[in-house]
Amino acid sequence: MSDVQRNLDAWAKRQRGAAVALAQSLAGQLEGRVKKNAPWTDRTSNARNGLFGSTEVRGDTVYIRVAHSMEYGVFLELANDGRFAILKPTVSGAVAEIEGSYRRLWQ
């Protein structure tokens, strides 16, 4: 293998690691936002504590997930005309920030 190919392979491996690390950081930030800004009044704190951010790598794609772990999370998101929704508004508001972070990473 040529030096050029080895260097390209090493660069690709570093970039992949950096992309995963960035996703993990962003997932943590989003988790913090949804927990802080959830619009409902806590009764047991289970719903708020059950909000989480995570990452998953499948093939060449890195996924960032923000979700509820409580079964009734779907009702908080969809019932009452979305009055208690936190996931979609938070993620929608962060899209430009996430895209910008990845653009800077790949520059």
Protein backbone atom coordinates (compact mmCIF):
# COMPACT_ATOMS: atom_id res chain seq x y z
CA MET A 1 0.00 0.00 0.00
CA SER A 2 1.34 3.41 -0.88
CA ASP A 3 2.01 6.13 1.66
CA VAL A 4 -0.77 8.19 0.10
CA GLN A 5 -3.31 5.38 0.56
CA ARG A 6 -2.21 4.73 4.15
CA ASN A 7 -2.48 8.44 4.95
CA LEU A 8 -5.94 8.64 3.38
CA ASP A 9 -7.09 5.58 5.33
CA ALA A 10 -5.73 7.04 8.58
CA TRP A 11 -7.43 10.38 7.87
CA ALA A 12 -10.76 8.65 7.13
CA LYS A 13 -10.52 6.69 10.38
CA ARG A 14 -9.82 9.87 12.37
CA GLN A 15 -12.70 11.70 10.69
CA ARG A 16 -15.08 8.82 11.40
CA GLY A 17 -14.06 8.86 15.07
CA ALA A 18 -14.50 12.62 15.18
CA ALA A 19 -17.95 12.35 13.59
CA VAL A 20 -19.04 9.83 16.23
CA ALA A 21 -17.58 11.93 19.05
CA LEU A 22 -19.38 15.01 17.74
CA ALA A 23 -22.66 13.08 17.57
CA GLN A 24 -22.20 11.93 21.17
CA SER A 25 -21.55 15.49 22.28
CA LEU A 26 -24.57 16.81 20.39
CA ALA A 27 -26.80 14.02 21.78
CA GLY A 28 -25.76 15.01 25.29
CA GLN A 29 -26.46 18.67 24.60
CA LEU A 30 -29.89 17.86 23.16
CA GLU A 31 -30.67 15.65 26.14
CA GLY A 32 -29.87 18.53 28.45
CA ARG A 33 -32.09 20.89 26.48
CA VAL A 34 -35.12 18.60 26.42
CA LYS A 35 -34.82 17.87 30.13
CA LYS A 36 -34.44 21.55 30.99
CA ASN A 37 -37.17 22.85 28.68
CA ALA A 38 -39.84 20.14 28.90
CA PRO A 39 -43.09 22.14 29.18
CA TRP A 40 -45.03 19.87 31.50
CA THR A 41 -45.34 20.05 35.28
CA ASP A 42 -43.54 17.17 36.93
CA ARG A 43 -45.53 14.94 39.22
CA THR A 44 -43.11 12.05 39.58
CA SER A 45 -40.15 13.36 37.50
CA ASN A 46 -40.18 10.03 35.63
CA ALA A 47 -40.95 11.58 32.25
CA ARG A 48 -38.26 14.26 32.53
CA ASN A 49 -35.68 11.82 33.90
CA GLY A 50 -36.61 9.38 31.14
CA LEU A 51 -35.66 11.77 28.35
CA PHE A 52 -32.36 10.76 26.80
CA GLY A 53 -29.97 11.45 23.96
CA SER A 54 -27.91 8.73 22.31
CA THR A 55 -25.96 7.89 19.17
CA GLU A 56 -25.87 4.89 16.91
CA VAL A 57 -23.56 4.02 14.05
CA ARG A 58 -24.92 1.91 11.20
CA GLY A 59 -22.53 1.46 8.33
CA ASP A 60 -21.29 4.88 7.30
CA THR A 61 -24.13 6.75 9.00
CA VAL A 62 -24.11 8.22 12.49
CA TYR A 63 -27.53 8.75 14.06
CA ILE A 64 -28.39 11.09 16.90
CA ARG A 65 -31.50 10.10 18.84
CA VAL A 66 -33.44 12.07 21.42
CA ALA A 67 -36.36 10.17 22.92
CA HIS A 68 -38.58 9.29 25.85
CA SER A 69 -38.06 6.09 27.82
CA MET A 70 -41.47 6.26 29.49
CA GLU A 71 -44.34 4.56 27.66
CA TYR A 72 -46.53 7.63 27.97
CA GLY A 73 -43.93 9.86 26.30
CA VAL A 74 -45.77 9.47 23.01
CA PHE A 75 -48.84 11.05 24.61
CA LEU A 76 -46.82 13.97 25.91
CA GLU A 77 -45.52 14.54 22.38
CA LEU A 78 -48.74 14.05 20.42
CA ALA A 79 -51.76 14.64 22.67
CA ASN A 80 -53.26 18.03 23.54
CA ASP A 81 -52.32 19.43 20.13
CA GLY A 82 -48.64 18.95 20.97
CA ARG A 83 -48.80 21.40 23.87
CA PHE A 84 -46.34 19.26 25.88
CA ALA A 85 -44.12 18.26 22.96
CA ILE A 86 -40.41 18.78 23.52
CA LEU A 87 -38.56 16.40 21.17
CA LYS A 88 -39.53 17.72 17.74
CA PRO A 89 -39.31 21.41 18.67
CA THR A 90 -35.88 20.91 20.23
CA VAL A 91 -34.47 18.89 17.34
CA SER A 92 -36.00 21.19 14.72
CA GLY A 93 -34.45 24.17 16.46
CA ALA A 94 -31.03 22.50 16.50
CA VAL A 95 -30.81 21.37 12.87
CA ALA A 96 -28.82 24.39 11.68
CA GLU A 97 -26.43 24.08 14.63
CA ILE A 98 -25.90 20.36 13.97
CA GLU A 99 -25.35 20.90 10.25
CA GLY A 100 -22.90 23.71 10.98
CA SER A 101 -20.98 21.54 13.43
CA TYR A 102 -20.56 18.81 10.83
CA ARG A 103 -19.65 21.27 8.09
CA ARG A 104 -16.86 22.65 10.29
CA LEU A 105 -15.69 19.13 11.10
CA TRP A 106 -15.41 18.20 7.44
CA GLN A 107 -13.74 21.42 6.26
